[in-house]
Amino acid sequence: MDHTSAHRRASRAFWACLMLATALTGALSTLLRSDPGPGTAVGVAGIGLLLTAILALAARLLLALTGRLGGRAGDGESRGDRS
């Protein structure tokens, strides 16, 4: 896979993560305004976890797209091996 198609795919994944995070934020907001109860608590916890995971993935994709993400651990770059 060439660099251009990988960059394009990562860019699409980043924007998909942001759209999903926006939808999850709306769902979380709706749940927080609903009547308290065990179902609401489970919903808030579940959506909160999903939202956290999606935002972490989006942040990682953004770092990779901007070139601020270090090299992979197996390639020697991130450990300082310059052989």
C-alpha atoms as a PDB file:
ATOM      1  CA  MET A   1       0.000   0.000   0.000  1.00  0.00           C
ATOM      2  CA  ASP A   2       1.433   3.354  -0.954  1.00  0.00           C
ATOM      3  CA  HIS A   3       1.686   6.339   1.343  1.00  0.00           C
ATOM      4  CA  THR A   4      -1.096   8.327  -0.337  1.00  0.00           C
ATOM      5  CA  SER A   5      -3.768   5.656   0.021  1.00  0.00           C
ATOM      6  CA  ALA A   6      -2.735   4.962   3.631  1.00  0.00           C
ATOM      7  CA  HIS A   7      -2.942   8.676   4.423  1.00  0.00           C
ATOM      8  CA  ARG A   8      -6.336   8.949   2.737  1.00  0.00           C
ATOM      9  CA  ARG A   9      -7.643   5.923   4.657  1.00  0.00           C
ATOM     10  CA  ALA A  10      -6.374   7.304   7.981  1.00  0.00           C
ATOM     11  CA  SER A  11      -7.947  10.658   7.195  1.00  0.00           C
ATOM     12  CA  ARG A  12     -11.317   9.037   6.484  1.00  0.00           C
ATOM     13  CA  ALA A  13     -11.053   7.035   9.721  1.00  0.00           C
ATOM     14  CA  PHE A  14     -10.277  10.230  11.659  1.00  0.00           C
ATOM     15  CA  TRP A  15     -13.358  12.027  10.313  1.00  0.00           C
ATOM     16  CA  ALA A  16     -15.522   8.947  10.900  1.00  0.00           C
ATOM     17  CA  CYS A  17     -14.324   8.895  14.528  1.00  0.00           C
ATOM     18  CA  LEU A  18     -15.232  12.564  14.928  1.00  0.00           C
ATOM     19  CA  MET A  19     -18.705  12.022  13.465  1.00  0.00           C
ATOM     20  CA  LEU A  20     -19.271   9.030  15.745  1.00  0.00           C
ATOM     21  CA  ALA A  21     -17.996  11.005  18.751  1.00  0.00           C
ATOM     22  CA  THR A  22     -20.466  13.779  17.930  1.00  0.00           C
ATOM     23  CA  ALA A  23     -23.344  11.302  17.778  1.00  0.00           C
ATOM     24  CA  LEU A  24     -22.248   9.647  21.035  1.00  0.00           C
ATOM     25  CA  THR A  25     -22.008  13.053  22.727  1.00  0.00           C
ATOM     26  CA  GLY A  26     -25.596  13.768  21.718  1.00  0.00           C
ATOM     27  CA  ALA A  27     -26.723  10.394  23.051  1.00  0.00           C
ATOM     28  CA  LEU A  28     -24.844  10.985  26.298  1.00  0.00           C
ATOM     29  CA  SER A  29     -26.452  14.400  26.650  1.00  0.00           C
ATOM     30  CA  THR A  30     -29.898  12.882  26.145  1.00  0.00           C
ATOM     31  CA  LEU A  31     -29.230  10.190  28.738  1.00  0.00           C
ATOM     32  CA  LEU A  32     -27.958  12.720  31.266  1.00  0.00           C
ATOM     33  CA  ARG A  33     -31.225  14.653  30.967  1.00  0.00           C
ATOM     34  CA  SER A  34     -33.395  11.533  31.427  1.00  0.00           C
ATOM     35  CA  ASP A  35     -34.854  10.244  34.686  1.00  0.00           C
ATOM     36  CA  PRO A  36     -32.317   8.625  37.017  1.00  0.00           C
ATOM     37  CA  GLY A  37     -32.301   4.874  37.315  1.00  0.00           C
ATOM     38  CA  PRO A  38     -30.223   1.755  36.765  1.00  0.00           C
ATOM     39  CA  GLY A  39     -30.850   1.735  33.012  1.00  0.00           C
ATOM     40  CA  THR A  40     -29.735   5.331  32.724  1.00  0.00           C
ATOM     41  CA  ALA A  41     -26.614   4.594  34.754  1.00  0.00           C
ATOM     42  CA  VAL A  42     -25.680   1.643  32.543  1.00  0.00           C
ATOM     43  CA  GLY A  43     -26.337   3.725  29.425  1.00  0.00           C
ATOM     44  CA  VAL A  44     -24.227   6.637  30.647  1.00  0.00           C
ATOM     45  CA  ALA A  45     -21.385   4.298  31.623  1.00  0.00           C
ATOM     46  CA  GLY A  46     -21.484   2.431  28.308  1.00  0.00           C
ATOM     47  CA  ILE A  47     -21.688   5.512  26.122  1.00  0.00           C
ATOM     48  CA  GLY A  48     -19.035   7.219  28.241  1.00  0.00           C
ATOM     49  CA  LEU A  49     -16.646   4.326  27.690  1.00  0.00           C
ATOM     50  CA  LEU A  50     -17.350   4.227  23.955  1.00  0.00           C
ATOM     51  CA  LEU A  51     -16.898   7.981  23.668  1.00  0.00           C
ATOM     52  CA  THR A  52     -13.593   7.817  25.530  1.00  0.00           C
ATOM     53  CA  ALA A  53     -12.315   5.034  23.262  1.00  0.00           C
ATOM     54  CA  ILE A  54     -13.401   6.829  20.079  1.00  0.00           C
ATOM     55  CA  LEU A  55     -11.793  10.097  21.174  1.00  0.00           C
ATOM     56  CA  ALA A  56      -8.549   8.288  22.064  1.00  0.00           C
ATOM     57  CA  LEU A  57      -8.519   6.670  18.615  1.00  0.00           C
ATOM     58  CA  ALA A  58      -9.211  10.029  16.955  1.00  0.00           C
ATOM     59  CA  ALA A  59      -6.344  11.620  18.896  1.00  0.00           C
ATOM     60  CA  ARG A  60      -3.986   8.832  17.844  1.00  0.00           C
ATOM     61  CA  LEU A  61      -5.063   9.189  14.218  1.00  0.00           C
ATOM     62  CA  LEU A  62      -4.560  12.959  14.378  1.00  0.00           C
ATOM     63  CA  LEU A  63      -1.054  12.494  15.773  1.00  0.00           C
ATOM     64  CA  ALA A  64      -0.249  10.006  13.023  1.00  0.00           C
ATOM     65  CA  LEU A  65      -1.653  12.260  10.299  1.00  0.00           C
ATOM     66  CA  THR A  66       0.331  15.267  11.496  1.00  0.00           C
ATOM     67  CA  GLY A  67       3.550  13.268  11.861  1.00  0.00           C
ATOM     68  CA  ARG A  68       3.784  13.715  15.627  1.00  0.00           C
ATOM     69  CA  LEU A  69       3.352  10.022  16.414  1.00  0.00           C
ATOM     70  CA  GLY A  70       6.675   8.276  16.991  1.00  0.00           C
ATOM     71  CA  GLY A  71       7.827   5.326  14.935  1.00  0.00           C
ATOM     72  CA  ARG A  72       6.631   1.821  15.623  1.00  0.00           C
ATOM     73  CA  ALA A  73       8.376   0.053  18.488  1.00  0.00           C
ATOM     74  CA  GLY A  74       9.648  -2.712  16.226  1.00  0.00           C
ATOM     75  CA  ASP A  75      11.421  -0.517  13.692  1.00  0.00           C
ATOM     76  CA  GLY A  76      14.147   0.814  15.995  1.00  0.00           C
ATOM     77  CA  GLU A  77      13.333   4.485  15.430  1.00  0.00           C
ATOM     78  CA  SER A  78      11.511   5.061  18.709  1.00  0.00           C
ATOM     79  CA  ARG A  79      14.271   3.396  20.769  1.00  0.00           C
ATOM     80  CA  GLY A  80      17.121   5.408  19.307  1.00  0.00           C
ATOM     81  CA  ASP A  81      18.677   2.546  17.304  1.00  0.00           C
ATOM     82  CA  ARG A  82      20.001   4.250  14.201  1.00  0.00           C
ATOM     83  CA  SER A  83      21.893   1.317  12.691  1.00  0.00           C
END
